[in-house]
PDB file of N, CA and C in Angstrom:
ATOM      1  N   ARG A   1      21.291  -2.559   0.459  1.00  0.00           N
ATOM      2  CA  ARG A   1      19.943  -2.049   0.992  1.00  0.00           C
ATOM      3  C   ARG A   1      18.928  -2.492   0.192  1.00  0.00           C
ATOM      4  N   ILE A   2      18.840  -2.798  -1.029  1.00  0.00           N
ATOM      5  CA  ILE A   2      17.897  -3.199  -2.004  1.00  0.00           C
ATOM      6  C   ILE A   2      17.516  -4.722  -1.459  1.00  0.00           C
ATOM      7  N   GLY A   3      18.712  -5.424  -1.263  1.00  0.00           N
ATOM      8  CA  GLY A   3      18.453  -6.817  -0.724  1.00  0.00           C
ATOM      9  C   GLY A   3      17.699  -6.873   0.480  1.00  0.00           C
ATOM     10  N   LYS A   4      17.931  -6.090   1.581  1.00  0.00           N
ATOM     11  CA  LYS A   4      17.100  -6.182   2.713  1.00  0.00           C
ATOM     12  C   LYS A   4      15.636  -5.715   2.442  1.00  0.00           C
ATOM     13  N   ARG A   5      15.340  -4.778   1.722  1.00  0.00           N
ATOM     14  CA  ARG A   5      14.044  -4.281   1.191  1.00  0.00           C
ATOM     15  C   ARG A   5      13.421  -5.325   0.544  1.00  0.00           C
ATOM     16  N   LYS A   6      14.121  -6.094  -0.229  1.00  0.00           N
ATOM     17  CA  LYS A   6      13.486  -7.204  -1.135  1.00  0.00           C
ATOM     18  C   LYS A   6      13.103  -8.273  -0.160  1.00  0.00           C
ATOM     19  N   LYS A   7      13.787  -8.680   0.879  1.00  0.00           N
ATOM     20  CA  LYS A   7      13.470  -9.790   1.734  1.00  0.00           C
ATOM     21  C   LYS A   7      12.193  -9.357   2.685  1.00  0.00           C
ATOM     22  N   LEU A   8      12.230  -8.027   2.942  1.00  0.00           N
ATOM     23  CA  LEU A   8      11.028  -7.519   3.800  1.00  0.00           C
ATOM     24  C   LEU A   8       9.803  -7.645   2.844  1.00  0.00           C
ATOM     25  N   SER A   9      10.023  -7.119   1.518  1.00  0.00           N
ATOM     26  CA  SER A   9       8.720  -7.163   0.689  1.00  0.00           C
ATOM     27  C   SER A   9       8.303  -8.562   0.509  1.00  0.00           C
ATOM     28  N   GLU A  10       9.264  -9.512   0.516  1.00  0.00           N
ATOM     29  CA  GLU A  10       8.862 -10.953   0.225  1.00  0.00           C
ATOM     30  C   GLU A  10       8.045 -11.487   1.421  1.00  0.00           C
ATOM     31  N   LEU A  11       8.569 -11.120   2.738  1.00  0.00           N
ATOM     32  CA  LEU A  11       7.833 -11.372   3.885  1.00  0.00           C
ATOM     33  C   LEU A  11       6.409 -10.840   3.735  1.00  0.00           C
ATOM     34  N   TYR A  12       6.349  -9.618   3.536  1.00  0.00           N
ATOM     35  CA  TYR A  12       4.924  -9.054   3.313  1.00  0.00           C
ATOM     36  C   TYR A  12       4.160  -9.782   2.308  1.00  0.00           C
ATOM     37  N   ASP A  13       4.738 -10.108   1.000  1.00  0.00           N
ATOM     38  CA  ASP A  13       3.955 -11.034   0.092  1.00  0.00           C
ATOM     39  C   ASP A  13       3.452 -12.208   0.713  1.00  0.00           C
ATOM     40  N   SER A  14       4.275 -13.064   1.389  1.00  0.00           N
ATOM     41  CA  SER A  14       3.775 -14.316   2.006  1.00  0.00           C
ATOM     42  C   SER A  14       2.830 -14.160   3.079  1.00  0.00           C
ATOM     43  N   SER A  15       2.852 -13.216   3.865  1.00  0.00           N
ATOM     44  CA  SER A  15       2.179 -12.963   5.063  1.00  0.00           C
ATOM     45  C   SER A  15       0.643 -12.457   4.582  1.00  0.00           C
ATOM     46  N   LEU A  16       0.698 -11.661   3.397  1.00  0.00           N
ATOM     47  CA  LEU A  16      -0.603 -11.231   2.969  1.00  0.00           C
ATOM     48  C   LEU A  16      -1.223 -12.024   1.814  1.00  0.00           C
ATOM     49  N   ASN A  17      -0.444 -12.996   1.544  1.00  0.00           N
ATOM     50  CA  ASN A  17      -1.020 -13.856   0.366  1.00  0.00           C
ATOM     51  C   ASN A  17      -2.466 -14.477   0.875  1.00  0.00           C
ATOM     52  N   GLY A  18      -3.399 -14.518  -0.020  1.00  0.00           N
ATOM     53  CA  GLY A  18      -4.635 -15.021   0.096  1.00  0.00           C
ATOM     54  C   GLY A  18      -5.701 -13.934   0.839  1.00  0.00           C
ATOM     55  N   LEU A  19      -5.231 -12.764   1.157  1.00  0.00           N
ATOM     56  CA  LEU A  19      -6.155 -11.650   1.833  1.00  0.00           C
ATOM     57  C   LEU A  19      -6.659 -11.016   0.587  1.00  0.00           C
ATOM     58  N   ALA A  20      -7.686 -10.179   0.885  1.00  0.00           N
ATOM     59  CA  ALA A  20      -8.283  -9.337   0.045  1.00  0.00           C
ATOM     60  C   ALA A  20      -7.329  -7.938  -0.333  1.00  0.00           C
ATOM     61  N   VAL A  21      -6.227  -8.151  -0.697  1.00  0.00           N
ATOM     62  CA  VAL A  21      -5.196  -7.019  -1.048  1.00  0.00           C
ATOM     63  C   VAL A  21      -4.299  -7.451  -2.423  1.00  0.00           C
ATOM     64  N   LYS A  22      -4.215  -6.595  -3.020  1.00  0.00           N
ATOM     65  CA  LYS A  22      -3.310  -7.043  -4.224  1.00  0.00           C
ATOM     66  C   LYS A  22      -2.060  -6.120  -4.469  1.00  0.00           C
ATOM     67  N   ARG A  23      -1.050  -6.536  -4.913  1.00  0.00           N
ATOM     68  CA  ARG A  23       0.172  -5.769  -5.300  1.00  0.00           C
ATOM     69  C   ARG A  23       0.151  -5.303  -6.682  1.00  0.00           C
ATOM     70  N   PRO A  24       0.465  -3.964  -7.059  1.00  0.00           N
ATOM     71  CA  PRO A  24       0.572  -3.594  -8.391  1.00  0.00           C
ATOM     72  C   PRO A  24       1.638  -4.490  -9.106  1.00  0.00           C
ATOM     73  N   THR A  25       1.257  -4.829 -10.311  1.00  0.00           N
ATOM     74  CA  THR A  25       2.279  -5.566 -10.944  1.00  0.00           C
ATOM     75  C   THR A  25       3.364  -4.731 -11.691  1.00  0.00           C
ATOM     76  N   GLN A  26       4.483  -5.385 -11.943  1.00  0.00           N
ATOM     77  CA  GLN A  26       5.702  -4.937 -12.653  1.00  0.00           C
ATOM     78  C   GLN A  26       5.779  -5.320 -14.078  1.00  0.00           C
ATOM     79  N   GLU A  27       6.333  -4.326 -14.862  1.00  0.00           N
ATOM     80  CA  GLU A  27       6.498  -4.591 -16.147  1.00  0.00           C
ATOM     81  C   GLU A  27       7.622  -5.708 -16.240  1.00  0.00           C
ATOM     82  N   LYS A  28       7.601  -6.665 -17.220  1.00  0.00           N
ATOM     83  CA  LYS A  28       8.642  -7.656 -17.278  1.00  0.00           C
ATOM     84  C   LYS A  28       9.786  -6.934 -17.729  1.00  0.00           C
ATOM     85  N   GLY A  29      10.957  -7.387 -17.239  1.00  0.00           N
ATOM     86  CA  GLY A  29      12.289  -6.755 -17.749  1.00  0.00           C
ATOM     87  C   GLY A  29      12.751  -5.461 -16.854  1.00  0.00           C
ATOM     88  N   LEU A  30      11.743  -5.145 -16.027  1.00  0.00           N
ATOM     89  CA  LEU A  30      12.351  -3.946 -15.326  1.00  0.00           C
ATOM     90  C   LEU A  30      13.039  -4.472 -13.930  1.00  0.00           C
ATOM     91  N   GLU A  31      13.818  -3.644 -13.359  1.00  0.00           N
ATOM     92  CA  GLU A  31      14.501  -3.998 -12.155  1.00  0.00           C
ATOM     93  C   GLU A  31      13.921  -3.197 -11.234  1.00  0.00           C
ATOM     94  N   TYR A  32      13.173  -3.861 -10.211  1.00  0.00           N
ATOM     95  CA  TYR A  32      12.444  -3.207  -9.160  1.00  0.00           C
ATOM     96  C   TYR A  32      13.293  -2.785  -7.918  1.00  0.00           C
ATOM     97  N   ASN A  33      13.167  -1.540  -7.354  1.00  0.00           N
ATOM     98  CA  ASN A  33      14.117  -1.152  -6.271  1.00  0.00           C
ATOM     99  C   ASN A  33      13.579  -1.336  -4.976  1.00  0.00           C
ATOM    100  N   TYR A  34      12.436  -1.827  -4.846  1.00  0.00           N
ATOM    101  CA  TYR A  34      11.749  -2.064  -3.392  1.00  0.00           C
ATOM    102  C   TYR A  34      11.938  -0.786  -2.479  1.00  0.00           C
ATOM    103  N   SER A  35      11.467   0.320  -2.957  1.00  0.00           N
ATOM    104  CA  SER A  35      11.614   1.555  -2.287  1.00  0.00           C
ATOM    105  C   SER A  35      10.219   1.765  -1.611  1.00  0.00           C
ATOM    106  N   TYR A  36       8.985   1.227  -2.168  1.00  0.00           N
ATOM    107  CA  TYR A  36       7.748   1.253  -1.519  1.00  0.00           C
ATOM    108  C   TYR A  36       6.998  -0.282  -1.489  1.00  0.00           C
ATOM    109  N   TYR A  37       6.002  -0.558  -0.572  1.00  0.00           N
ATOM    110  CA  TYR A  37       5.265  -1.555  -0.533  1.00  0.00           C
ATOM    111  C   TYR A  37       3.724  -1.084  -0.731  1.00  0.00           C
ATOM    112  N   PRO A  38       3.252  -0.868  -1.975  1.00  0.00           N
ATOM    113  CA  PRO A  38       2.060  -0.370  -2.054  1.00  0.00           C
ATOM    114  C   PRO A  38       1.214  -1.741  -2.138  1.00  0.00           C
ATOM    115  N   VAL A  39      -0.103  -1.515  -1.540  1.00  0.00           N
ATOM    116  CA  VAL A  39      -1.116  -2.707  -1.699  1.00  0.00           C
ATOM    117  C   VAL A  39      -2.379  -1.979  -2.183  1.00  0.00           C
ATOM    118  N   VAL A  40      -3.205  -2.670  -2.850  1.00  0.00           N
ATOM    119  CA  VAL A  40      -4.498  -2.165  -3.414  1.00  0.00           C
ATOM    120  C   VAL A  40      -5.760  -2.953  -2.688  1.00  0.00           C
ATOM    121  N   PHE A  41      -6.459  -2.244  -1.915  1.00  0.00           N
ATOM    122  CA  PHE A  41      -7.505  -2.895  -1.308  1.00  0.00           C
ATOM    123  C   PHE A  41      -8.961  -2.900  -2.202  1.00  0.00           C
ATOM    124  N   ASN A  42      -9.892  -3.690  -1.866  1.00  0.00           N
ATOM    125  CA  ASN A  42     -11.118  -3.957  -2.581  1.00  0.00           C
ATOM    126  C   ASN A  42     -12.050  -2.609  -2.563  1.00  0.00           C
ATOM    127  N   SER A  43     -11.704  -1.937  -1.609  1.00  0.00           N
ATOM    128  CA  SER A  43     -12.592  -0.640  -1.365  1.00  0.00           C
ATOM    129  C   SER A  43     -11.916   0.413  -0.655  1.00  0.00           C
ATOM    130  N   GLU A  44     -12.205   1.726  -0.833  1.00  0.00           N
ATOM    131  CA  GLU A  44     -11.658   2.785   0.008  1.00  0.00           C
ATOM    132  C   GLU A  44     -12.034   2.442   1.406  1.00  0.00           C
ATOM    133  N   GLU A  45     -13.274   1.890   1.602  1.00  0.00           N
ATOM    134  CA  GLU A  45     -13.671   1.643   3.002  1.00  0.00           C
ATOM    135  C   GLU A  45     -12.623   0.730   3.579  1.00  0.00           C
ATOM    136  N   ASN A  46     -12.318  -0.388   3.069  1.00  0.00           N
ATOM    137  CA  ASN A  46     -11.279  -1.377   3.746  1.00  0.00           C
ATOM    138  C   ASN A  46      -9.903  -0.503   3.871  1.00  0.00           C
ATOM    139  N   LEU A  47      -9.443   0.325   2.972  1.00  0.00           N
ATOM    140  CA  LEU A  47      -8.303   1.010   3.108  1.00  0.00           C
ATOM    141  C   LEU A  47      -8.248   1.897   4.345  1.00  0.00           C
ATOM    142  N   LEU A  48      -9.436   2.576   4.417  1.00  0.00           N
ATOM    143  CA  LEU A  48      -9.668   3.535   5.660  1.00  0.00           C
ATOM    144  C   LEU A  48      -9.629   2.926   6.867  1.00  0.00           C
ATOM    145  N   GLY A  49     -10.241   1.761   6.936  1.00  0.00           N
ATOM    146  CA  GLY A  49     -10.296   0.862   8.167  1.00  0.00           C
ATOM    147  C   GLY A  49      -8.961   0.363   8.476  1.00  0.00           C
ATOM    148  N   VAL A  50      -8.145  -0.197   7.596  1.00  0.00           N
ATOM    149  CA  VAL A  50      -6.806  -0.570   7.818  1.00  0.00           C
ATOM    150  C   VAL A  50      -6.045   0.520   8.233  1.00  0.00           C
ATOM    151  N   LYS A  51      -5.939   1.579   7.591  1.00  0.00           N
ATOM    152  CA  LYS A  51      -5.122   2.782   7.912  1.00  0.00           C
ATOM    153  C   LYS A  51      -5.480   3.237   9.390  1.00  0.00           C
ATOM    154  N   GLU A  52      -6.750   3.392   9.663  1.00  0.00           N
ATOM    155  CA  GLU A  52      -7.062   3.841  11.079  1.00  0.00           C
ATOM    156  C   GLU A  52      -6.478   2.755  12.137  1.00  0.00           C
ATOM    157  N   ALA A  53      -6.792   1.451  11.797  1.00  0.00           N
ATOM    158  CA  ALA A  53      -6.374   0.420  12.952  1.00  0.00           C
ATOM    159  C   ALA A  53      -4.793   0.474  13.092  1.00  0.00           C
ATOM    160  N   LEU A  54      -4.128   0.717  11.867  1.00  0.00           N
ATOM    161  CA  LEU A  54      -2.627   0.664  11.955  1.00  0.00           C
ATOM    162  C   LEU A  54      -2.248   1.840  12.844  1.00  0.00           C
ATOM    163  N   GLU A  55      -2.795   2.988  12.562  1.00  0.00           N
ATOM    164  CA  GLU A  55      -2.485   4.308  13.129  1.00  0.00           C
ATOM    165  C   GLU A  55      -2.553   4.072  14.759  1.00  0.00           C
ATOM    166  N   LYS A  56      -3.632   3.461  15.071  1.00  0.00           N
ATOM    167  CA  LYS A  56      -4.014   3.045  16.616  1.00  0.00           C
ATOM    168  C   LYS A  56      -2.919   2.251  17.219  1.00  0.00           C
ATOM    169  N   GLU A  57      -2.138   1.492  16.423  1.00  0.00           N
ATOM    170  CA  GLU A  57      -0.836   0.813  16.775  1.00  0.00           C
ATOM    171  C   GLU A  57       0.416   1.578  16.638  1.00  0.00           C
ATOM    172  N   GLN A  58       0.218   2.923  16.319  1.00  0.00           N
ATOM    173  CA  GLN A  58       1.312   3.836  16.175  1.00  0.00           C
ATOM    174  C   GLN A  58       2.176   3.357  14.789  1.00  0.00           C
ATOM    175  N   ILE A  59       1.425   2.979  13.951  1.00  0.00           N
ATOM    176  CA  ILE A  59       2.007   2.513  12.647  1.00  0.00           C
ATOM    177  C   ILE A  59       1.472   3.475  11.562  1.00  0.00           C
ATOM    178  N   PHE A  60       2.348   3.994  10.730  1.00  0.00           N
ATOM    179  CA  PHE A  60       1.733   5.303   9.927  1.00  0.00           C
ATOM    180  C   PHE A  60       1.878   4.873   8.398  1.00  0.00           C
ATOM    181  N   PRO A  61       1.135   4.254   7.829  1.00  0.00           N
ATOM    182  CA  PRO A  61       1.082   3.989   6.364  1.00  0.00           C
ATOM    183  C   PRO A  61       0.800   5.351   5.759  1.00  0.00           C
ATOM    184  N   ARG A  62       0.919   5.460   4.403  1.00  0.00           N
ATOM    185  CA  ARG A  62       0.740   6.588   3.738  1.00  0.00           C
ATOM    186  C   ARG A  62      -0.185   6.181   2.513  1.00  0.00           C
ATOM    187  N   ARG A  63      -1.027   7.161   2.050  1.00  0.00           N
ATOM    188  CA  ARG A  63      -1.844   6.930   0.888  1.00  0.00           C
ATOM    189  C   ARG A  63      -0.914   7.231  -0.294  1.00  0.00           C
ATOM    190  N   TYR A  64      -1.047   6.645  -1.268  1.00  0.00           N
ATOM    191  CA  TYR A  64      -0.009   6.656  -2.480  1.00  0.00           C
ATOM    192  C   TYR A  64      -0.870   7.277  -3.727  1.00  0.00           C
ATOM    193  N   PHE A  65      -0.208   8.381  -4.115  1.00  0.00           N
ATOM    194  CA  PHE A  65      -0.617   9.093  -5.226  1.00  0.00           C
ATOM    195  C   PHE A  65      -2.118   9.364  -5.081  1.00  0.00           C
ATOM    196  N   TYR A  66      -2.298  10.074  -3.798  1.00  0.00           N
ATOM    197  CA  TYR A  66      -3.786  10.520  -3.443  1.00  0.00           C
ATOM    198  C   TYR A  66      -3.843  11.978  -2.907  1.00  0.00           C
ATOM    199  N   PRO A  67      -4.534  12.768  -3.440  1.00  0.00           N
ATOM    200  CA  PRO A  67      -5.526  12.555  -4.571  1.00  0.00           C
ATOM    201  C   PRO A  67      -4.926  12.739  -5.787  1.00  0.00           C
ATOM    202  N   THR A  68      -5.751  12.303  -6.812  1.00  0.00           N
ATOM    203  CA  THR A  68      -5.336  12.300  -8.167  1.00  0.00           C
ATOM    204  C   THR A  68      -5.210  13.693  -8.585  1.00  0.00           C
ATOM    205  N   LEU A  69      -4.367  14.053  -9.587  1.00  0.00           N
ATOM    206  CA  LEU A  69      -4.234  15.373 -10.036  1.00  0.00           C
ATOM    207  C   LEU A  69      -5.592  15.862 -10.680  1.00  0.00           C
ATOM    208  N   ASP A  70      -6.344  15.164 -11.241  1.00  0.00           N
ATOM    209  CA  ASP A  70      -7.518  15.626 -11.937  1.00  0.00           C
ATOM    210  C   ASP A  70      -8.485  15.916 -11.014  1.00  0.00           C
ATOM    211  N   SER A  71      -8.354  15.615  -9.655  1.00  0.00           N
ATOM    212  CA  SER A  71      -9.369  15.921  -8.757  1.00  0.00           C
ATOM    213  C   SER A  71      -9.047  17.297  -7.983  1.00  0.00           C
ATOM    214  N   LEU A  72      -7.877  17.856  -8.225  1.00  0.00           N
ATOM    215  CA  LEU A  72      -7.429  19.167  -7.464  1.00  0.00           C
ATOM    216  C   LEU A  72      -8.107  20.314  -8.236  1.00  0.00           C
ATOM    217  N   SER A  73      -8.781  21.000  -7.470  1.00  0.00           N
ATOM    218  CA  SER A  73      -9.617  22.289  -7.965  1.00  0.00           C
ATOM    219  C   SER A  73      -8.765  23.107  -8.732  1.00  0.00           C
ATOM    220  N   PHE A  74      -7.600  23.565  -8.324  1.00  0.00           N
ATOM    221  CA  PHE A  74      -6.745  24.290  -8.869  1.00  0.00           C
ATOM    222  C   PHE A  74      -5.931  23.977 -10.348  1.00  0.00           C
ATOM    223  N   LEU A  75      -6.207  22.736 -10.429  1.00  0.00           N
ATOM    224  CA  LEU A  75      -5.726  22.166 -11.831  1.00  0.00           C
ATOM    225  C   LEU A  75      -6.830  21.899 -12.506  1.00  0.00           C
ATOM    226  N   LYS A  76      -7.413  22.723 -13.340  1.00  0.00           N
ATOM    227  CA  LYS A  76      -8.681  22.393 -14.071  1.00  0.00           C
ATOM    228  C   LYS A  76      -8.593  22.070 -15.435  1.00  0.00           C
ATOM    229  N   SER A  77      -8.214  20.756 -15.786  1.00  0.00           N
ATOM    230  CA  SER A  77      -7.877  20.496 -16.993  1.00  0.00           C
ATOM    231  C   SER A  77      -9.122  20.050 -17.723  1.00  0.00           C
ATOM    232  N   GLY A  78     -10.165  19.761 -17.026  1.00  0.00           N
ATOM    233  CA  GLY A  78     -11.568  19.094 -17.616  1.00  0.00           C
ATOM    234  C   GLY A  78     -11.282  17.572 -17.826  1.00  0.00           C
ATOM    235  N   ASN A  79     -10.231  17.058 -17.801  1.00  0.00           N
ATOM    236  CA  ASN A  79     -10.024  15.567 -18.010  1.00  0.00           C
ATOM    237  C   ASN A  79     -10.444  14.842 -16.716  1.00  0.00           C
ATOM    238  N   ASN A  80     -10.994  13.771 -16.845  1.00  0.00           N
ATOM    239  CA  ASN A  80     -11.223  12.801 -15.818  1.00  0.00           C
ATOM    240  C   ASN A  80     -10.346  11.542 -15.886  1.00  0.00           C
ATOM    241  N   CYS A  81      -9.970  11.134 -14.855  1.00  0.00           N
ATOM    242  CA  CYS A  81      -9.054   9.971 -14.931  1.00  0.00           C
ATOM    243  C   CYS A  81      -9.765   8.779 -13.902  1.00  0.00           C
ATOM    244  N   PRO A  82     -10.749   8.125 -14.449  1.00  0.00           N
ATOM    245  CA  PRO A  82     -11.522   7.316 -13.710  1.00  0.00           C
ATOM    246  C   PRO A  82     -10.663   6.091 -13.070  1.00  0.00           C
ATOM    247  N   VAL A  83      -9.705   5.515 -13.978  1.00  0.00           N
ATOM    248  CA  VAL A  83      -8.860   4.258 -13.463  1.00  0.00           C
ATOM    249  C   VAL A  83      -8.086   4.883 -12.505  1.00  0.00           C
ATOM    250  N   ALA A  84      -7.262   5.991 -12.629  1.00  0.00           N
ATOM    251  CA  ALA A  84      -6.498   6.472 -11.651  1.00  0.00           C
ATOM    252  C   ALA A  84      -7.098   6.819 -10.308  1.00  0.00           C
ATOM    253  N   SER A  85      -8.343   7.469 -10.615  1.00  0.00           N
ATOM    254  CA  SER A  85      -9.218   7.721  -9.255  1.00  0.00           C
ATOM    255  C   SER A  85      -9.487   6.660  -8.495  1.00  0.00           C
ATOM    256  N   SER A  86     -10.038   5.452  -9.213  1.00  0.00           N
ATOM    257  CA  SER A  86     -10.333   4.281  -8.432  1.00  0.00           C
ATOM    258  C   SER A  86      -9.008   3.723  -7.766  1.00  0.00           C
ATOM    259  N   ILE A  87      -7.947   3.521  -8.306  1.00  0.00           N
ATOM    260  CA  ILE A  87      -6.804   3.115  -7.784  1.00  0.00           C
ATOM    261  C   ILE A  87      -6.291   3.919  -6.501  1.00  0.00           C
ATOM    262  N   ALA A  88      -6.151   5.293  -6.853  1.00  0.00           N
ATOM    263  CA  ALA A  88      -5.678   6.131  -5.741  1.00  0.00           C
ATOM    264  C   ALA A  88      -6.590   6.048  -4.580  1.00  0.00           C
ATOM    265  N   SER A  89      -7.954   5.721  -4.731  1.00  0.00           N
ATOM    266  CA  SER A  89      -8.756   5.783  -3.548  1.00  0.00           C
ATOM    267  C   SER A  89      -8.619   4.378  -2.558  1.00  0.00           C
ATOM    268  N   ARG A  90      -7.701   3.406  -3.323  1.00  0.00           N
ATOM    269  CA  ARG A  90      -7.770   2.119  -2.673  1.00  0.00           C
ATOM    270  C   ARG A  90      -6.388   1.688  -2.408  1.00  0.00           C
ATOM    271  N   ILE A  91      -5.324   2.544  -2.624  1.00  0.00           N
ATOM    272  CA  ILE A  91      -3.997   2.076  -2.594  1.00  0.00           C
ATOM    273  C   ILE A  91      -3.401   2.710  -1.290  1.00  0.00           C
ATOM    274  N   LEU A  92      -2.516   1.835  -0.601  1.00  0.00           N
ATOM    275  CA  LEU A  92      -1.781   2.432   0.522  1.00  0.00           C
ATOM    276  C   LEU A  92      -0.375   1.674   0.618  1.00  0.00           C
ATOM    277  N   CYS A  93       0.503   2.735   0.870  1.00  0.00           N
ATOM    278  CA  CYS A  93       1.976   2.156   1.201  1.00  0.00           C
ATOM    279  C   CYS A  93       2.086   1.796   2.659  1.00  0.00           C
ATOM    280  N   LEU A  94       2.289   0.421   2.704  1.00  0.00           N
ATOM    281  CA  LEU A  94       2.894  -0.016   3.993  1.00  0.00           C
ATOM    282  C   LEU A  94       4.270   0.293   4.252  1.00  0.00           C
ATOM    283  N   PRO A  95       4.636   0.383   5.570  1.00  0.00           N
ATOM    284  CA  PRO A  95       5.985   0.605   6.151  1.00  0.00           C
ATOM    285  C   PRO A  95       6.986  -0.299   5.457  1.00  0.00           C
ATOM    286  N   LEU A  96       8.062   0.296   4.857  1.00  0.00           N
ATOM    287  CA  LEU A  96       9.265  -0.376   4.360  1.00  0.00           C
ATOM    288  C   LEU A  96      10.452   0.515   4.250  1.00  0.00           C
ATOM    289  N   PHE A  97      11.389   0.053   5.033  1.00  0.00           N
ATOM    290  CA  PHE A  97      12.693   0.827   5.323  1.00  0.00           C
ATOM    291  C   PHE A  97      13.698  -0.251   5.900  1.00  0.00           C
ATOM    292  N   ASP A  98      15.002   0.050   5.591  1.00  0.00           N
ATOM    293  CA  ASP A  98      16.019  -0.975   5.963  1.00  0.00           C
ATOM    294  C   ASP A  98      15.923  -1.316   7.367  1.00  0.00           C
ATOM    295  N   SER A  99      15.779  -0.375   8.315  1.00  0.00           N
ATOM    296  CA  SER A  99      15.699  -1.025   9.749  1.00  0.00           C
ATOM    297  C   SER A  99      14.463  -1.575  10.292  1.00  0.00           C
ATOM    298  N   LEU A 100      13.544  -1.877   9.386  1.00  0.00           N
ATOM    299  CA  LEU A 100      12.220  -2.356   9.683  1.00  0.00           C
ATOM    300  C   LEU A 100      12.445  -3.900  10.136  1.00  0.00           C
ATOM    301  N   GLU A 101      11.998  -4.202  11.426  1.00  0.00           N
ATOM    302  CA  GLU A 101      12.110  -5.562  11.755  1.00  0.00           C
ATOM    303  C   GLU A 101      11.053  -6.655  11.316  1.00  0.00           C
ATOM    304  N   LEU A 102      11.323  -7.810  11.244  1.00  0.00           N
ATOM    305  CA  LEU A 102      10.364  -8.828  10.668  1.00  0.00           C
ATOM    306  C   LEU A 102       9.121  -8.755  11.528  1.00  0.00           C
ATOM    307  N   SER A 103       9.419  -8.579  12.933  1.00  0.00           N
ATOM    308  CA  SER A 103       8.301  -8.681  13.970  1.00  0.00           C
ATOM    309  C   SER A 103       7.347  -7.487  13.502  1.00  0.00           C
ATOM    310  N   GLU A 104       7.785  -6.383  13.178  1.00  0.00           N
ATOM    311  CA  GLU A 104       7.072  -5.208  12.723  1.00  0.00           C
ATOM    312  C   GLU A 104       6.206  -5.558  11.563  1.00  0.00           C
ATOM    313  N   ILE A 105       6.823  -6.156  10.521  1.00  0.00           N
ATOM    314  CA  ILE A 105       5.877  -6.591   9.448  1.00  0.00           C
ATOM    315  C   ILE A 105       4.796  -7.607   9.875  1.00  0.00           C
ATOM    316  N   GLU A 106       5.265  -8.563  10.731  1.00  0.00           N
ATOM    317  CA  GLU A 106       4.103  -9.528  11.196  1.00  0.00           C
ATOM    318  C   GLU A 106       3.076  -8.733  11.886  1.00  0.00           C
ATOM    319  N   GLN A 107       3.271  -7.678  12.662  1.00  0.00           N
ATOM    320  CA  GLN A 107       2.444  -6.925  13.335  1.00  0.00           C
ATOM    321  C   GLN A 107       1.486  -6.186  12.341  1.00  0.00           C
ATOM    322  N   VAL A 108       2.040  -5.515  11.317  1.00  0.00           N
ATOM    323  CA  VAL A 108       1.316  -4.859  10.204  1.00  0.00           C
ATOM    324  C   VAL A 108       0.331  -5.764   9.803  1.00  0.00           C
ATOM    325  N   CYS A 109       0.839  -7.092   9.221  1.00  0.00           N
ATOM    326  CA  CYS A 109      -0.042  -7.864   8.580  1.00  0.00           C
ATOM    327  C   CYS A 109      -1.096  -8.441   9.544  1.00  0.00           C
ATOM    328  N   ALA A 110      -0.837  -8.555  10.805  1.00  0.00           N
ATOM    329  CA  ALA A 110      -1.803  -9.107  11.689  1.00  0.00           C
ATOM    330  C   ALA A 110      -3.014  -8.007  11.796  1.00  0.00           C
ATOM    331  N   VAL A 111      -2.585  -6.723  11.904  1.00  0.00           N
ATOM    332  CA  VAL A 111      -3.635  -5.749  11.861  1.00  0.00           C
ATOM    333  C   VAL A 111      -4.507  -5.761  10.540  1.00  0.00           C
ATOM    334  N   ILE A 112      -3.961  -5.860   9.465  1.00  0.00           N
ATOM    335  CA  ILE A 112      -4.584  -5.899   8.183  1.00  0.00           C
ATOM    336  C   ILE A 112      -5.664  -7.229   8.146  1.00  0.00           C
ATOM    337  N   LYS A 113      -5.039  -8.332   8.529  1.00  0.00           N
ATOM    338  CA  LYS A 113      -5.980  -9.414   8.537  1.00  0.00           C
ATOM    339  C   LYS A 113      -7.018  -9.441   9.377  1.00  0.00           C
ATOM    340  N   LYS A 114      -6.904  -8.689  10.600  1.00  0.00           N
ATOM    341  CA  LYS A 114      -7.944  -8.627  11.556  1.00  0.00           C
ATOM    342  C   LYS A 114      -9.017  -7.577  11.017  1.00  0.00           C
ATOM    343  N   GLU A 115      -8.566  -6.558  10.305  1.00  0.00           N
ATOM    344  CA  GLU A 115      -9.422  -5.645  10.013  1.00  0.00           C
ATOM    345  C   GLU A 115     -10.255  -5.857   8.698  1.00  0.00           C
ATOM    346  N   ILE A 116      -9.615  -6.692   7.770  1.00  0.00           N
ATOM    347  CA  ILE A 116     -10.284  -7.063   6.631  1.00  0.00           C
ATOM    348  C   ILE A 116     -11.093  -8.348   6.596  1.00  0.00           C
ATOM    349  N   ASN A 117     -10.993  -9.017   7.554  1.00  0.00           N
ATOM    350  CA  ASN A 117     -11.562 -10.423   7.727  1.00  0.00           C
ATOM    351  C   ASN A 117     -12.949 -10.197   8.661  1.00  0.00           C
TER     352      ASN A 117
END
């Protein structure tokens, strides 16, 4: 299963290369399980545009670690987390699962390319 998700992630990587989206980096020496495919957009506006465009195609990405815990009114710690808030507003998990077809990844990437260009 991990091998299949790794191949799918690599297809995303090559298809999204050169676009205004970035992948979070992994610490060296860690073994990644390819359970998610998060991408970080330049702005929340870009993220929301892509999310809406994908949903129109019946593709349902999800926000990742959104909202941040420091922004929840019932958790009043008084601490602000500006870096986490910035990333949380711009990060989206693209579909990634064992039965995902290569053509579906190509469709996801085509929608992203169209929306952010």
